[in-house]
Amino acid sequence: MASMRSTDRASRTVRHSAITLAIAAAAILLGALYLRGGTSVTPHVVVLHASWAQNYSSVHDLATDADAVVIARVTGIATEGPDVSTPSVLATRFQLAVRRTVKGVPGTSLVVKQTGGTDAGLTQLMEGDPLLVVGDDYLLYLRQVHDGPYAGDYFVLGGPAGRFGVAADGGLTSFGQVSLPKNTTLDSLLP
C-alpha cells in the first residue's frame, strides 16, 4: 500500500512537471512569435527595471559629467525597434531641436537614444523613466556616444535624473531623484 502511494505521488509530480514544462515552452514560443510579429497577440506592455551606472543627486554633478546641457524640443522619432546591441530590448531614437545650449556644442539638432519603445505590438518601458514625448520641451544633461552603431547619438545621464520637463512658464519638472526647490525655473537654475 505504501509503495502504491509513493508511485501515485511520483506520477503526480511527473505530470505536474510535464504540464509546467509545456506551459513554459508555449510561453517561450508565443513570446518569440510575438517579438517577430508572427502572431496577432493583443499588444503587450513590459516594464523593464534598471539600475543606472551612475546615480546623480544634484544638478551640479550632472553638469560636471555631461558632454552637453541643452534645452530642446522633441520633434520626432528617428527610429524605434530592437536595440542593435541588445536585440531583446527596444530602443527609441528621438530627434530634438536645440533651443538653447548651456554646455557643449551639440549643434541645432541632435538624436537622443532612450531605452524603451514599441515594436510589433510589444511596448517596453523603463520603470521610472517614461519615454520622451514628441512636442515637449526638456532640459537635458547628455553624454555623447563615441563608438558603435549609435555613435554621434546622445543619451540622458542617469536615466531620468538628467531630464527635466520645461513648462511654458519656465517651470521645471524632475523625472529622477534630483530634487529641485519648489518653483525652480530655468532662469533660476541656469547661468
C-alpha atoms as a PDB file:
ATOM      1  CA  MET A   1       0.000   0.000   0.000  1.00  0.00           C
ATOM      2  CA  ALA A   2       2.816   2.416   0.887  1.00  0.00           C
ATOM      3  CA  SER A   3       4.606   1.692  -2.371  1.00  0.00           C
ATOM      4  CA  MET A   4       1.367   2.382  -4.298  1.00  0.00           C
ATOM      5  CA  ARG A   5       1.015   5.838  -2.644  1.00  0.00           C
ATOM      6  CA  SER A   6       4.642   6.566  -3.391  1.00  0.00           C
ATOM      7  CA  THR A   7       4.111   5.595  -7.039  1.00  0.00           C
ATOM      8  CA  ASP A   8       0.970   7.784  -7.260  1.00  0.00           C
ATOM      9  CA  ARG A   9       2.843  10.722  -5.697  1.00  0.00           C
ATOM     10  CA  ALA A  10       5.766  10.285  -8.109  1.00  0.00           C
ATOM     11  CA  SER A  11       3.332  10.016 -11.040  1.00  0.00           C
ATOM     12  CA  ARG A  12       1.565  13.269  -9.999  1.00  0.00           C
ATOM     13  CA  THR A  13       4.936  15.006  -9.628  1.00  0.00           C
ATOM     14  CA  VAL A  14       5.981  13.898 -13.120  1.00  0.00           C
ATOM     15  CA  ARG A  15       2.618  15.029 -14.588  1.00  0.00           C
ATOM     16  CA  HIS A  16       2.869  18.383 -12.765  1.00  0.00           C
ATOM     17  CA  SER A  17       6.432  18.890 -14.034  1.00  0.00           C
ATOM     18  CA  ALA A  18       5.406  17.962 -17.581  1.00  0.00           C
ATOM     19  CA  ILE A  19       2.476  20.411 -17.504  1.00  0.00           C
ATOM     20  CA  THR A  20       4.707  23.181 -16.110  1.00  0.00           C
ATOM     21  CA  LEU A  21       7.302  22.478 -18.791  1.00  0.00           C
ATOM     22  CA  ALA A  22       4.627  22.530 -21.538  1.00  0.00           C
ATOM     23  CA  ILE A  23       3.247  25.870 -20.305  1.00  0.00           C
ATOM     24  CA  ALA A  24       6.749  27.360 -20.159  1.00  0.00           C
ATOM     25  CA  ALA A  25       7.560  26.097 -23.670  1.00  0.00           C
ATOM     26  CA  ALA A  26       4.294  27.540 -25.037  1.00  0.00           C
ATOM     27  CA  ALA A  27       5.003  30.893 -23.374  1.00  0.00           C
ATOM     28  CA  ILE A  28       8.503  30.997 -24.861  1.00  0.00           C
ATOM     29  CA  LEU A  29       7.205  30.059 -28.315  1.00  0.00           C
ATOM     30  CA  LEU A  30       4.404  32.637 -28.211  1.00  0.00           C
ATOM     31  CA  GLY A  31       6.831  35.267 -26.944  1.00  0.00           C
ATOM     32  CA  ALA A  32       9.250  34.545 -29.786  1.00  0.00           C
ATOM     33  CA  LEU A  33       6.449  34.660 -32.378  1.00  0.00           C
ATOM     34  CA  TYR A  34       5.133  37.847 -30.814  1.00  0.00           C
ATOM     35  CA  LEU A  35       8.522  39.598 -30.931  1.00  0.00           C
ATOM     36  CA  ARG A  36       8.877  38.638 -34.594  1.00  0.00           C
ATOM     37  CA  GLY A  37       5.357  39.857 -35.415  1.00  0.00           C
ATOM     38  CA  GLY A  38       4.267  36.328 -36.339  1.00  0.00           C
ATOM     39  CA  THR A  39       1.046  36.319 -34.364  1.00  0.00           C
ATOM     40  CA  SER A  40      -1.777  38.727 -33.686  1.00  0.00           C
ATOM     41  CA  VAL A  41      -1.444  38.624 -29.905  1.00  0.00           C
ATOM     42  CA  THR A  42      -3.009  41.616 -28.148  1.00  0.00           C
ATOM     43  CA  PRO A  43      -0.447  44.437 -27.645  1.00  0.00           C
ATOM     44  CA  HIS A  44       1.600  43.884 -24.534  1.00  0.00           C
ATOM     45  CA  VAL A  45       3.399  46.288 -22.207  1.00  0.00           C
ATOM     46  CA  VAL A  46       6.537  45.152 -20.399  1.00  0.00           C
ATOM     47  CA  VAL A  47       8.049  47.296 -17.668  1.00  0.00           C
ATOM     48  CA  LEU A  48      11.829  46.964 -17.502  1.00  0.00           C
ATOM     49  CA  HIS A  49      13.761  47.512 -14.290  1.00  0.00           C
ATOM     50  CA  ALA A  50      17.228  49.019 -14.301  1.00  0.00           C
ATOM     51  CA  SER A  51      19.881  50.392 -12.060  1.00  0.00           C
ATOM     52  CA  TRP A  52      21.831  53.234 -13.601  1.00  0.00           C
ATOM     53  CA  ALA A  53      25.615  53.083 -13.950  1.00  0.00           C
ATOM     54  CA  GLN A  54      25.858  56.425 -12.159  1.00  0.00           C
ATOM     55  CA  ASN A  55      23.370  57.900  -9.708  1.00  0.00           C
ATOM     56  CA  TYR A  56      23.053  61.660  -9.552  1.00  0.00           C
ATOM     57  CA  SER A  57      21.658  63.653  -6.669  1.00  0.00           C
ATOM     58  CA  SER A  58      22.459  67.191  -7.804  1.00  0.00           C
ATOM     59  CA  VAL A  59      22.284  69.341 -10.903  1.00  0.00           C
ATOM     60  CA  HIS A  60      25.921  70.304 -10.276  1.00  0.00           C
ATOM     61  CA  ASP A  61      27.049  66.649 -10.547  1.00  0.00           C
ATOM     62  CA  LEU A  62      25.019  66.201 -13.734  1.00  0.00           C
ATOM     63  CA  ALA A  63      26.504  69.352 -15.297  1.00  0.00           C
ATOM     64  CA  THR A  64      30.033  68.258 -14.385  1.00  0.00           C
ATOM     65  CA  ASP A  65      29.669  64.855 -16.075  1.00  0.00           C
ATOM     66  CA  ALA A  66      27.629  65.998 -19.094  1.00  0.00           C
ATOM     67  CA  ASP A  67      29.116  66.431 -22.574  1.00  0.00           C
ATOM     68  CA  ALA A  68      26.201  68.715 -23.381  1.00  0.00           C
ATOM     69  CA  VAL A  69      23.453  70.505 -21.468  1.00  0.00           C
ATOM     70  CA  VAL A  70      20.614  71.717 -23.655  1.00  0.00           C
ATOM     71  CA  ILE A  71      17.067  72.925 -23.660  1.00  0.00           C
ATOM     72  CA  ALA A  72      15.443  71.104 -26.554  1.00  0.00           C
ATOM     73  CA  ARG A  73      12.091  70.188 -28.050  1.00  0.00           C
ATOM     74  CA  VAL A  74      11.379  66.642 -29.192  1.00  0.00           C
ATOM     75  CA  THR A  75      10.415  66.970 -32.855  1.00  0.00           C
ATOM     76  CA  GLY A  76      10.009  63.335 -33.855  1.00  0.00           C
ATOM     77  CA  ILE A  77      11.139  59.742 -33.680  1.00  0.00           C
ATOM     78  CA  ALA A  78      14.195  58.866 -35.775  1.00  0.00           C
ATOM     79  CA  THR A  79      13.912  55.098 -35.236  1.00  0.00           C
ATOM     80  CA  GLU A  80      12.117  52.708 -32.920  1.00  0.00           C
ATOM     81  CA  GLY A  81      12.703  48.989 -32.548  1.00  0.00           C
ATOM     82  CA  PRO A  82      15.108  46.387 -31.192  1.00  0.00           C
ATOM     83  CA  ASP A  83      18.326  47.846 -29.769  1.00  0.00           C
ATOM     84  CA  VAL A  84      21.198  46.933 -32.096  1.00  0.00           C
ATOM     85  CA  SER A  85      23.455  45.980 -29.179  1.00  0.00           C
ATOM     86  CA  THR A  86      20.731  44.161 -27.162  1.00  0.00           C
ATOM     87  CA  PRO A  87      18.024  42.920 -29.584  1.00  0.00           C
ATOM     88  CA  SER A  88      15.682  41.700 -26.819  1.00  0.00           C
ATOM     89  CA  VAL A  89      15.392  45.291 -25.560  1.00  0.00           C
ATOM     90  CA  LEU A  90      13.637  48.013 -27.542  1.00  0.00           C
ATOM     91  CA  ALA A  91      15.156  51.454 -28.058  1.00  0.00           C
ATOM     92  CA  THR A  92      13.782  54.707 -29.408  1.00  0.00           C
ATOM     93  CA  ARG A  93      15.954  57.374 -31.018  1.00  0.00           C
ATOM     94  CA  PHE A  94      14.294  60.785 -30.683  1.00  0.00           C
ATOM     95  CA  GLN A  95      15.014  63.804 -32.915  1.00  0.00           C
ATOM     96  CA  LEU A  96      15.397  67.026 -30.945  1.00  0.00           C
ATOM     97  CA  ALA A  97      15.652  70.681 -31.960  1.00  0.00           C
ATOM     98  CA  VAL A  98      18.071  72.501 -29.668  1.00  0.00           C
ATOM     99  CA  ARG A  99      16.528  75.738 -28.410  1.00  0.00           C
ATOM    100  CA  ARG A 100      19.417  76.733 -26.129  1.00  0.00           C
ATOM    101  CA  THR A 101      22.851  75.276 -25.469  1.00  0.00           C
ATOM    102  CA  VAL A 102      24.151  75.658 -21.911  1.00  0.00           C
ATOM    103  CA  LYS A 103      27.223  73.418 -22.240  1.00  0.00           C
ATOM    104  CA  GLY A 104      28.941  71.709 -25.154  1.00  0.00           C
ATOM    105  CA  VAL A 105      28.455  72.153 -28.877  1.00  0.00           C
ATOM    106  CA  PRO A 106      25.715  69.751 -29.987  1.00  0.00           C
ATOM    107  CA  GLY A 107      24.505  71.918 -32.901  1.00  0.00           C
ATOM    108  CA  THR A 108      20.918  72.900 -33.696  1.00  0.00           C
ATOM    109  CA  SER A 109      19.583  69.347 -33.699  1.00  0.00           C
ATOM    110  CA  LEU A 110      20.563  66.052 -32.143  1.00  0.00           C
ATOM    111  CA  VAL A 111      19.379  62.494 -31.586  1.00  0.00           C
ATOM    112  CA  VAL A 112      18.788  61.102 -28.102  1.00  0.00           C
ATOM    113  CA  LYS A 113      18.593  57.313 -27.662  1.00  0.00           C
ATOM    114  CA  GLN A 114      16.363  56.057 -24.885  1.00  0.00           C
ATOM    115  CA  THR A 115      15.668  52.501 -23.767  1.00  0.00           C
ATOM    116  CA  GLY A 116      12.062  51.521 -24.400  1.00  0.00           C
ATOM    117  CA  GLY A 117       9.589  51.865 -27.236  1.00  0.00           C
ATOM    118  CA  THR A 118       7.093  49.906 -29.304  1.00  0.00           C
ATOM    119  CA  ASP A 119       7.695  47.311 -31.998  1.00  0.00           C
ATOM    120  CA  ALA A 120       5.383  44.622 -33.444  1.00  0.00           C
ATOM    121  CA  GLY A 121       2.724  45.205 -30.762  1.00  0.00           C
ATOM    122  CA  LEU A 122       5.176  44.997 -27.854  1.00  0.00           C
ATOM    123  CA  THR A 123       5.790  48.097 -25.737  1.00  0.00           C
ATOM    124  CA  GLN A 124       8.721  48.198 -23.327  1.00  0.00           C
ATOM    125  CA  LEU A 125       9.036  50.979 -20.761  1.00  0.00           C
ATOM    126  CA  MET A 126      11.737  51.651 -18.186  1.00  0.00           C
ATOM    127  CA  GLU A 127      10.365  51.853 -14.658  1.00  0.00           C
ATOM    128  CA  GLY A 128      10.582  55.478 -13.505  1.00  0.00           C
ATOM    129  CA  ASP A 129      11.894  56.689 -16.876  1.00  0.00           C
ATOM    130  CA  PRO A 130       8.971  57.436 -19.205  1.00  0.00           C
ATOM    131  CA  LEU A 131       9.771  57.919 -22.884  1.00  0.00           C
ATOM    132  CA  LEU A 132      10.294  61.432 -24.146  1.00  0.00           C
ATOM    133  CA  VAL A 133       7.172  62.975 -25.660  1.00  0.00           C
ATOM    134  CA  VAL A 134       7.118  64.496 -29.154  1.00  0.00           C
ATOM    135  CA  GLY A 135       6.320  68.206 -28.857  1.00  0.00           C
ATOM    136  CA  ASP A 136       7.551  68.569 -25.268  1.00  0.00           C
ATOM    137  CA  ASP A 137      10.486  70.701 -24.121  1.00  0.00           C
ATOM    138  CA  TYR A 138      13.185  69.365 -21.821  1.00  0.00           C
ATOM    139  CA  LEU A 139      16.317  70.470 -20.005  1.00  0.00           C
ATOM    140  CA  LEU A 140      18.701  67.577 -20.731  1.00  0.00           C
ATOM    141  CA  TYR A 141      22.083  66.616 -19.312  1.00  0.00           C
ATOM    142  CA  LEU A 142      23.576  64.470 -22.062  1.00  0.00           C
ATOM    143  CA  ARG A 143      26.523  62.212 -22.789  1.00  0.00           C
ATOM    144  CA  GLN A 144      27.533  61.550 -26.397  1.00  0.00           C
ATOM    145  CA  VAL A 145      28.060  58.033 -27.731  1.00  0.00           C
ATOM    146  CA  HIS A 146      31.500  57.920 -29.409  1.00  0.00           C
ATOM    147  CA  ASP A 147      31.589  54.465 -30.993  1.00  0.00           C
ATOM    148  CA  GLY A 148      29.421  51.597 -32.172  1.00  0.00           C
ATOM    149  CA  PRO A 149      26.124  51.711 -34.043  1.00  0.00           C
ATOM    150  CA  TYR A 150      24.862  54.733 -32.100  1.00  0.00           C
ATOM    151  CA  ALA A 151      27.999  56.880 -32.492  1.00  0.00           C
ATOM    152  CA  GLY A 152      27.014  60.543 -32.581  1.00  0.00           C
ATOM    153  CA  ASP A 153      23.770  60.000 -30.660  1.00  0.00           C
ATOM    154  CA  TYR A 154      23.344  61.189 -27.088  1.00  0.00           C
ATOM    155  CA  PHE A 155      21.808  59.588 -24.007  1.00  0.00           C
ATOM    156  CA  VAL A 156      20.451  61.226 -20.870  1.00  0.00           C
ATOM    157  CA  LEU A 157      22.809  60.920 -17.885  1.00  0.00           C
ATOM    158  CA  GLY A 158      21.445  58.791 -15.065  1.00  0.00           C
ATOM    159  CA  GLY A 159      18.277  57.950 -16.971  1.00  0.00           C
ATOM    160  CA  PRO A 160      15.505  60.083 -15.512  1.00  0.00           C
ATOM    161  CA  ALA A 161      17.921  62.022 -13.265  1.00  0.00           C
ATOM    162  CA  GLY A 162      19.319  64.033 -16.174  1.00  0.00           C
ATOM    163  CA  ARG A 163      15.969  65.106 -17.596  1.00  0.00           C
ATOM    164  CA  PHE A 164      13.631  67.885 -16.555  1.00  0.00           C
ATOM    165  CA  GLY A 165      10.364  68.826 -18.221  1.00  0.00           C
ATOM    166  CA  VAL A 166      10.137  72.520 -19.138  1.00  0.00           C
ATOM    167  CA  ALA A 167       6.719  74.190 -18.875  1.00  0.00           C
ATOM    168  CA  ALA A 168       5.669  77.192 -20.973  1.00  0.00           C
ATOM    169  CA  ASP A 169       6.255  79.479 -17.962  1.00  0.00           C
ATOM    170  CA  GLY A 170       9.796  78.091 -17.497  1.00  0.00           C
ATOM    171  CA  GLY A 171       8.856  75.864 -14.558  1.00  0.00           C
ATOM    172  CA  LEU A 172      10.729  72.561 -14.279  1.00  0.00           C
ATOM    173  CA  THR A 173       9.549  69.042 -13.511  1.00  0.00           C
ATOM    174  CA  SER A 174      12.077  66.498 -12.242  1.00  0.00           C
ATOM    175  CA  PHE A 175      11.800  62.922 -13.530  1.00  0.00           C
ATOM    176  CA  GLY A 176      14.524  61.457 -11.328  1.00  0.00           C
ATOM    177  CA  GLN A 177      15.988  61.572  -7.866  1.00  0.00           C
ATOM    178  CA  VAL A 178      17.435  65.065  -8.347  1.00  0.00           C
ATOM    179  CA  SER A 179      15.097  67.235  -6.337  1.00  0.00           C
ATOM    180  CA  LEU A 180      14.669  70.898  -7.092  1.00  0.00           C
ATOM    181  CA  PRO A 181      13.430  73.560  -4.702  1.00  0.00           C
ATOM    182  CA  LYS A 182       9.743  74.385  -5.193  1.00  0.00           C
ATOM    183  CA  ASN A 183       9.097  76.864  -8.038  1.00  0.00           C
ATOM    184  CA  THR A 184      12.549  76.362  -9.588  1.00  0.00           C
ATOM    185  CA  THR A 185      12.623  77.798 -13.101  1.00  0.00           C
ATOM    186  CA  LEU A 186      15.112  77.655 -15.946  1.00  0.00           C
ATOM    187  CA  ASP A 187      16.226  81.212 -15.248  1.00  0.00           C
ATOM    188  CA  SER A 188      16.978  80.431 -11.612  1.00  0.00           C
ATOM    189  CA  LEU A 189      18.816  77.201 -12.427  1.00  0.00           C
ATOM    190  CA  LEU A 190      20.949  78.047 -15.449  1.00  0.00           C
ATOM    191  CA  PRO A 191      23.763  80.551 -15.845  1.00  0.00           C
END
